[in-house]
Amino acid sequence: MSKIKNIFQNSPVSPLFIAESITKHSTKTEIGAHQIFLGQIRADEIDGKTVKAIEYTAYEDLALSQMAAIREEIFAKYNLTCMHIHHSLGIVNAGEICLFVFTSSKHRKEATLACNEVVERIKNELPVWGKEIFEDETHQWKINQ
């Protein structure tokens, strides 16, 4: 198994970081396609209350080892050049980015299919939890959709 990469950061994912990540790939001229997924916090209204933020927590050691296994399976299944994943921990406000998945390959089909599968597997398999914080400061645990 390859080295376990830390996908977590204790802040929202900044638009500048996303732009810099894309820019760094301009020298990799074997790449013909990038697929990017950005998960943004919605100001959902639930039972008459508006979500102002989500506080993310994770069982980090287990999540990182599971992510390493998912990463290997995705690289074995699709002809990718690279894959980058950044997931926020802590409080992320409505309108901010909490998940950045970036896959690259020679052709768009592999990049697109791999990115979609990675996002679904992160949502369904990793021990990461979100607590919705409402404008009135009450909260509830978020159900992944």
Protein backbone atom coordinates (compact mmCIF):
# COMPACT_ATOMS: atom_id res chain seq x y z
CA MET A 1 0.00 0.00 0.00
CA SER A 2 1.24 3.51 -0.78
CA LYS A 3 1.96 6.19 1.80
CA ILE A 4 -1.19 7.39 3.58
CA LYS A 5 -1.95 10.98 2.60
CA ASN A 6 -3.73 13.33 4.98
CA ILE A 7 -6.89 14.57 3.27
CA PHE A 8 -8.07 16.64 6.24
CA GLN A 9 -7.61 20.32 6.97
CA ASN A 10 -8.99 22.33 9.88
CA SER A 11 -10.54 25.04 7.72
CA PRO A 12 -12.73 25.51 4.66
CA VAL A 13 -11.03 24.83 1.31
CA SER A 14 -10.14 28.25 -0.09
CA PRO A 15 -10.84 29.22 -3.71
CA LEU A 16 -7.22 30.38 -3.98
CA PHE A 17 -5.97 26.92 -2.95
CA ILE A 18 -8.25 25.35 -5.61
CA ALA A 19 -6.94 27.74 -8.28
CA GLU A 20 -3.32 27.07 -7.27
CA SER A 21 -3.93 23.30 -7.41
CA ILE A 22 -5.21 23.60 -10.98
CA THR A 23 -2.33 25.89 -11.99
CA LYS A 24 0.28 23.42 -10.71
CA HIS A 25 -0.95 20.88 -13.27
CA SER A 26 -0.26 23.07 -16.32
CA THR A 27 3.25 21.59 -16.63
CA LYS A 28 1.87 18.03 -16.75
CA THR A 29 1.24 18.01 -20.50
CA GLU A 30 0.28 14.32 -20.63
CA ILE A 31 -2.98 15.28 -18.90
CA GLY A 32 -5.94 15.96 -21.20
CA ALA A 33 -8.75 16.20 -18.63
CA HIS A 34 -9.42 17.30 -15.09
CA GLN A 35 -12.61 16.64 -13.20
CA ILE A 36 -13.31 18.66 -10.08
CA PHE A 37 -15.97 18.25 -7.43
CA LEU A 38 -16.51 21.05 -4.92
CA GLY A 39 -18.81 20.40 -1.97
CA GLN A 40 -20.26 23.67 -0.67
CA ILE A 41 -22.23 24.18 2.54
CA ARG A 42 -25.89 24.97 1.83
CA ALA A 43 -28.00 27.24 4.00
CA ASP A 44 -30.78 24.63 4.13
CA GLU A 45 -33.98 25.41 5.95
CA ILE A 46 -34.97 22.53 8.23
CA ASP A 47 -38.07 22.72 10.42
CA GLY A 48 -38.15 26.50 9.99
CA LYS A 49 -34.47 26.96 10.98
CA THR A 50 -31.62 27.89 8.64
CA VAL A 51 -28.27 26.10 8.64
CA LYS A 52 -25.45 28.62 9.12
CA ALA A 53 -22.54 26.13 9.26
CA ILE A 54 -21.56 22.49 9.52
CA GLU A 55 -19.03 21.27 12.03
CA TYR A 56 -17.13 18.25 10.68
CA THR A 57 -15.48 15.62 12.84
CA ALA A 58 -13.84 12.36 11.81
CA TYR A 59 -12.27 9.23 13.17
CA GLU A 60 -9.12 10.38 11.39
CA ASP A 61 -6.85 7.32 11.58
CA LEU A 62 -9.56 4.99 10.28
CA ALA A 63 -10.75 7.49 7.66
CA LEU A 64 -7.23 7.98 6.32
CA SER A 65 -6.52 4.25 6.07
CA GLN A 66 -9.89 3.72 4.35
CA MET A 67 -9.16 6.60 1.98
CA ALA A 68 -5.78 5.08 1.12
CA ALA A 69 -7.52 1.81 0.19
CA ILE A 70 -10.15 3.65 -1.88
CA ARG A 71 -7.38 5.61 -3.60
CA GLU A 72 -5.57 2.39 -4.59
CA GLU A 73 -8.81 0.83 -5.89
CA ILE A 74 -9.62 3.94 -7.96
CA PHE A 75 -6.12 4.07 -9.47
CA ALA A 76 -6.39 0.35 -10.32
CA LYS A 77 -9.81 0.82 -11.94
CA TYR A 78 -9.24 4.04 -13.92
CA ASN A 79 -6.28 5.28 -15.94
CA LEU A 80 -5.61 8.36 -13.80
CA THR A 81 -2.58 10.61 -13.81
CA CYS A 82 -3.31 12.00 -10.34
CA MET A 83 -5.96 12.46 -7.66
CA HIS A 84 -6.16 15.07 -4.91
CA ILE A 85 -8.67 15.11 -2.04
CA HIS A 86 -9.14 17.79 0.61
CA HIS A 87 -11.86 17.53 3.28
CA SER A 88 -12.55 20.13 5.93
CA LEU A 89 -12.76 19.44 9.64
CA GLY A 90 -14.14 21.90 12.16
CA ILE A 91 -16.68 24.60 11.36
CA VAL A 92 -17.39 25.46 7.72
CA ASN A 93 -19.89 28.26 7.11
CA ALA A 94 -22.68 28.28 4.52
CA GLY A 95 -21.23 29.20 1.14
CA GLU A 96 -17.77 27.83 1.93
CA ILE A 97 -16.15 24.74 0.36
CA CYS A 98 -15.84 21.64 2.58
CA LEU A 99 -14.75 19.03 0.00
CA PHE A 100 -12.42 19.34 -2.99
CA VAL A 101 -11.85 16.26 -5.17
CA PHE A 102 -9.61 16.70 -8.22
CA THR A 103 -8.89 13.85 -10.65
CA SER A 104 -6.77 14.04 -13.80
CA SER A 105 -6.22 11.68 -16.71
CA LYS A 106 -5.37 11.61 -20.41
CA HIS A 107 -9.08 11.48 -21.30
CA ARG A 108 -12.22 12.99 -19.76
CA LYS A 109 -14.16 9.77 -19.27
CA GLU A 110 -11.70 8.30 -16.75
CA ALA A 111 -11.33 11.59 -14.88
CA THR A 112 -15.10 12.06 -14.66
CA LEU A 113 -15.97 8.50 -13.63
CA ALA A 114 -13.16 8.36 -11.06
CA CYS A 115 -14.10 11.71 -9.52
CA ASN A 116 -17.76 10.73 -9.19
CA GLU A 117 -16.88 7.38 -7.62
CA VAL A 118 -14.43 8.94 -5.16
CA VAL A 119 -17.03 11.47 -3.98
CA GLU A 120 -19.67 8.76 -3.49
CA ARG A 121 -17.25 6.54 -1.61
CA ILE A 122 -16.10 9.39 0.65
CA LYS A 123 -19.73 10.18 1.51
CA ASN A 124 -20.69 6.52 2.05
CA GLU A 125 -17.59 4.87 3.52
CA LEU A 126 -15.49 7.32 5.53
CA PRO A 127 -16.16 7.87 9.25
CA VAL A 128 -16.76 11.61 8.87
CA TRP A 129 -19.71 13.31 10.54
CA GLY A 130 -21.29 16.71 10.07
CA LYS A 131 -23.21 18.58 12.75
CA GLU A 132 -25.53 21.18 11.25
CA ILE A 133 -25.43 24.41 13.25
CA PHE A 134 -28.48 26.63 12.89
CA GLU A 135 -28.66 30.40 13.10
CA ASP A 136 -30.26 30.08 16.56
CA GLU A 137 -27.13 28.09 17.67
CA THR A 138 -29.06 24.79 18.04
CA HIS A 139 -27.68 21.83 16.11
CA GLN A 140 -28.40 18.35 14.75
CA TRP A 141 -26.34 15.61 13.12
CA LYS A 142 -26.44 15.78 9.33
CA ILE A 143 -27.64 12.86 7.23
CA ASN A 144 -25.43 12.31 4.13
CA GLN A 145 -27.24 12.59 0.81
